[in-house]
C-alpha atoms as a PDB file:
ATOM      1  CA  MET A   1       0.000   0.000   0.000  1.00  0.00           C
ATOM      2  CA  THR A   2       2.111   2.971   1.172  1.00  0.00           C
ATOM      3  CA  GLU A   3       5.837   2.796   1.533  1.00  0.00           C
ATOM      4  CA  PRO A   4       8.479   5.457   1.942  1.00  0.00           C
ATOM      5  CA  PRO A   5      10.229   5.855  -1.428  1.00  0.00           C
ATOM      6  CA  GLY A   6      13.429   3.895  -1.244  1.00  0.00           C
ATOM      7  CA  GLY A   7      12.133   2.139   1.871  1.00  0.00           C
ATOM      8  CA  SER A   8      11.802  -1.141   0.061  1.00  0.00           C
ATOM      9  CA  PRO A   9      12.836  -2.263  -3.404  1.00  0.00           C
ATOM     10  CA  GLY A  10      10.461  -0.865  -6.005  1.00  0.00           C
ATOM     11  CA  ALA A  11       8.403   1.078  -3.467  1.00  0.00           C
ATOM     12  CA  SER A  12       8.308   4.188  -5.639  1.00  0.00           C
ATOM     13  CA  GLY A  13       8.444   2.361  -8.932  1.00  0.00           C
ATOM     14  CA  PRO A  14       6.696   3.344 -12.129  1.00  0.00           C
ATOM     15  CA  GLY A  15       3.307   1.989 -10.953  1.00  0.00           C
ATOM     16  CA  ALA A  16       3.157   4.248  -7.902  1.00  0.00           C
ATOM     17  CA  VAL A  17       1.841   7.706  -7.085  1.00  0.00           C
ATOM     18  CA  VAL A  18       4.210   9.733  -4.913  1.00  0.00           C
ATOM     19  CA  VAL A  19       2.737  12.012  -2.233  1.00  0.00           C
ATOM     20  CA  ARG A  20       5.002  14.829  -1.028  1.00  0.00           C
ATOM     21  CA  LEU A  21       4.348  16.292   2.388  1.00  0.00           C
ATOM     22  CA  PRO A  22       5.500  19.612   3.887  1.00  0.00           C
ATOM     23  CA  GLY A  23       6.885  19.864   7.415  1.00  0.00           C
ATOM     24  CA  PRO A  24       3.547  20.511   9.179  1.00  0.00           C
ATOM     25  CA  LEU A  25       2.111  17.211   7.893  1.00  0.00           C
ATOM     26  CA  ARG A  26       5.186  14.988   8.279  1.00  0.00           C
ATOM     27  CA  ASP A  27       4.587  14.313  11.970  1.00  0.00           C
ATOM     28  CA  LEU A  28       1.324  12.640  10.992  1.00  0.00           C
ATOM     29  CA  VAL A  29       3.187  10.009   8.941  1.00  0.00           C
ATOM     30  CA  GLY A  30       6.182   9.300  11.145  1.00  0.00           C
ATOM     31  CA  GLY A  31       8.299  12.176   9.842  1.00  0.00           C
ATOM     32  CA  ARG A  32       8.369  11.007   6.223  1.00  0.00           C
ATOM     33  CA  ARG A  33       8.669  13.570   3.434  1.00  0.00           C
ATOM     34  CA  GLU A  34       7.117  11.291   0.846  1.00  0.00           C
ATOM     35  CA  LEU A  35       4.736   8.388   0.660  1.00  0.00           C
ATOM     36  CA  SER A  36       4.475   6.039  -2.270  1.00  0.00           C
ATOM     37  CA  VAL A  37       1.112   4.482  -3.068  1.00  0.00           C
ATOM     38  CA  SER A  38       1.122   1.457  -5.317  1.00  0.00           C
ATOM     39  CA  PRO A  39      -0.708   0.529  -7.379  1.00  0.00           C
ATOM     40  CA  ALA A  40      -1.590   4.073  -8.393  1.00  0.00           C
ATOM     41  CA  PRO A  41      -5.153   5.020  -7.400  1.00  0.00           C
ATOM     42  CA  ALA A  42      -7.329   6.277 -10.274  1.00  0.00           C
ATOM     43  CA  THR A  43      -8.255   9.649  -8.695  1.00  0.00           C
ATOM     44  CA  VAL A  44      -7.278  11.996  -5.871  1.00  0.00           C
ATOM     45  CA  ASP A  45     -10.368  10.829  -3.977  1.00  0.00           C
ATOM     46  CA  ALA A  46      -9.250   7.197  -4.289  1.00  0.00           C
ATOM     47  CA  LEU A  47      -5.748   8.218  -3.179  1.00  0.00           C
ATOM     48  CA  LEU A  48      -7.160   9.783  -0.007  1.00  0.00           C
ATOM     49  CA  ASP A  49      -9.283   6.690   0.623  1.00  0.00           C
ATOM     50  CA  THR A  50      -6.165   4.514   0.296  1.00  0.00           C
ATOM     51  CA  LEU A  51      -4.115   6.764   2.584  1.00  0.00           C
ATOM     52  CA  SER A  52      -6.881   6.804   5.193  1.00  0.00           C
ATOM     53  CA  VAL A  53      -6.275   3.121   5.938  1.00  0.00           C
ATOM     54  CA  GLU A  54      -2.699   3.651   7.184  1.00  0.00           C
ATOM     55  CA  HIS A  55      -2.727   7.390   7.886  1.00  0.00           C
ATOM     56  CA  PRO A  56      -6.235   8.358   9.067  1.00  0.00           C
ATOM     57  CA  VAL A  57      -5.060  11.423  10.992  1.00  0.00           C
ATOM     58  CA  LEU A  58      -3.343  12.783   7.869  1.00  0.00           C
ATOM     59  CA  VAL A  59      -6.481  12.360   5.793  1.00  0.00           C
ATOM     60  CA  ARG A  60      -8.655  13.976   8.504  1.00  0.00           C
ATOM     61  CA  ARG A  61      -6.330  16.979   8.300  1.00  0.00           C
ATOM     62  CA  ILE A  62      -6.962  17.156   4.531  1.00  0.00           C
ATOM     63  CA  ARG A  63     -10.685  16.275   4.264  1.00  0.00           C
ATOM     64  CA  ASP A  64     -13.566  17.243   6.513  1.00  0.00           C
ATOM     65  CA  GLU A  65     -16.296  14.923   7.804  1.00  0.00           C
ATOM     66  CA  THR A  66     -18.194  15.190   4.513  1.00  0.00           C
ATOM     67  CA  GLY A  67     -15.148  14.197   2.442  1.00  0.00           C
ATOM     68  CA  THR A  68     -14.592  17.702   1.073  1.00  0.00           C
ATOM     69  CA  VAL A  69     -11.051  19.087   0.953  1.00  0.00           C
ATOM     70  CA  ARG A  70     -10.659  21.500   3.851  1.00  0.00           C
ATOM     71  CA  GLN A  71     -10.736  25.170   2.890  1.00  0.00           C
ATOM     72  CA  PHE A  72      -7.150  25.843   3.917  1.00  0.00           C
ATOM     73  CA  VAL A  73      -5.562  22.808   2.278  1.00  0.00           C
ATOM     74  CA  ASN A  74      -4.355  22.826  -1.301  1.00  0.00           C
ATOM     75  CA  ILE A  75      -3.759  19.685  -3.313  1.00  0.00           C
ATOM     76  CA  TYR A  76      -1.596  19.791  -6.409  1.00  0.00           C
ATOM     77  CA  VAL A  77      -1.323  17.048  -8.988  1.00  0.00           C
ATOM     78  CA  GLY A  78       1.911  17.878 -10.714  1.00  0.00           C
ATOM     79  CA  ASP A  79       1.761  21.673 -10.977  1.00  0.00           C
ATOM     80  CA  ASP A  80      -2.041  21.891 -11.107  1.00  0.00           C
ATOM     81  CA  ASP A  81      -4.272  22.856  -8.172  1.00  0.00           C
ATOM     82  CA  ILE A  82      -7.179  20.389  -8.161  1.00  0.00           C
ATOM     83  CA  ARG A  83      -9.605  23.181  -7.160  1.00  0.00           C
ATOM     84  CA  HIS A  84      -9.162  24.682 -10.639  1.00  0.00           C
ATOM     85  CA  GLY A  85      -9.788  21.399 -12.407  1.00  0.00           C
ATOM     86  CA  GLU A  86     -11.710  18.258 -11.601  1.00  0.00           C
ATOM     87  CA  GLY A  87     -11.350  18.475  -7.819  1.00  0.00           C
ATOM     88  CA  LEU A  88     -11.244  15.113  -6.045  1.00  0.00           C
ATOM     89  CA  ALA A  89     -12.104  13.434  -9.367  1.00  0.00           C
ATOM     90  CA  THR A  90      -8.751  14.579 -10.794  1.00  0.00           C
ATOM     91  CA  PRO A  91      -7.254  11.511 -12.471  1.00  0.00           C
ATOM     92  CA  LEU A  92      -3.918  10.086 -11.393  1.00  0.00           C
ATOM     93  CA  ALA A  93      -1.512   8.056 -13.459  1.00  0.00           C
ATOM     94  CA  PRO A  94       1.428   5.942 -12.357  1.00  0.00           C
ATOM     95  CA  GLY A  95       4.391   8.231 -11.702  1.00  0.00           C
ATOM     96  CA  THR A  96       2.241  11.223 -10.745  1.00  0.00           C
ATOM     97  CA  VAL A  97       3.476  13.428  -7.896  1.00  0.00           C
ATOM     98  CA  VAL A  98       0.803  14.820  -5.557  1.00  0.00           C
ATOM     99  CA  HIS A  99       1.486  17.617  -3.055  1.00  0.00           C
ATOM    100  CA  PHE A 100      -0.649  18.273   0.032  1.00  0.00           C
ATOM    101  CA  LEU A 101      -0.072  21.869   1.143  1.00  0.00           C
ATOM    102  CA  PRO A 102      -1.837  23.392   4.143  1.00  0.00           C
ATOM    103  CA  SER A 103      -2.107  27.174   3.948  1.00  0.00           C
ATOM    104  CA  VAL A 104       0.186  29.036   6.287  1.00  0.00           C
ATOM    105  CA  ALA A 105      -1.092  32.233   7.861  1.00  0.00           C
ATOM    106  CA  GLY A 106       1.215  34.982   8.854  1.00  0.00           C
ATOM    107  CA  GLY A 107       2.165  38.453   8.088  1.00  0.00           C
END
């Protein structure tokens, strides 16, 4: 299911989706910067469902109780923000890199 890239042979191979996590979310997955999900889920929604099995706290930080992406979390598939495309139905292909980025307030 999810493995740290390089954590086991082939963990981030061509059939996987790689999830990159910023510092604020790494504590929720044991300090890892990346997770590899193989086989690649078909959509962002399916990716979150897969991650929720091993990392439920991470997924609760990203989606609310209704399954909607929280207002202050951005998800990028490659360079594209899913909010400006197909949302959670955004398709994923093997080798895709997904970024979960919580907004940071400050000034």
